[in-house]
């Protein structure tokens, strides 16, 4: 059974950095994709980034492009989301979700459908 677990959230000030981790277990292939989705109170859930472990292709939502970077450590089955220059509007619960089939990421939709979601980790950015 596939599982993904997020970690690394916390309370930081505007301009600070955080690195989130998403560790996958129970996967039977080296080729999958992991997306990062966030959900802020009163707002719709939004997919902000995704990476394919097949070819390293990535997607970023415009609102995080240039500030966030997604990467994968194949040996650890872990995907990271490095978040720099955080803003109060980045405050949300951050989830990772896995697509267990091979994909090349050209858009967020390339990472769908998800097989499993994590439980989420809270990121709070104070002004």
Foldseek 3Di string as FASTA:
>chain_A
DKDKAKDWADEEAQQAKTKMKIFIPPADDLWKKKWKWWDDPPDDIGTAKMATSVPGAMDGDPVQPPFWDWDADSVRNMIMIIGGRDDQVVWTWMKMFMGNDHFHDPYPCRNDDTDDIYPTDTHGYHD
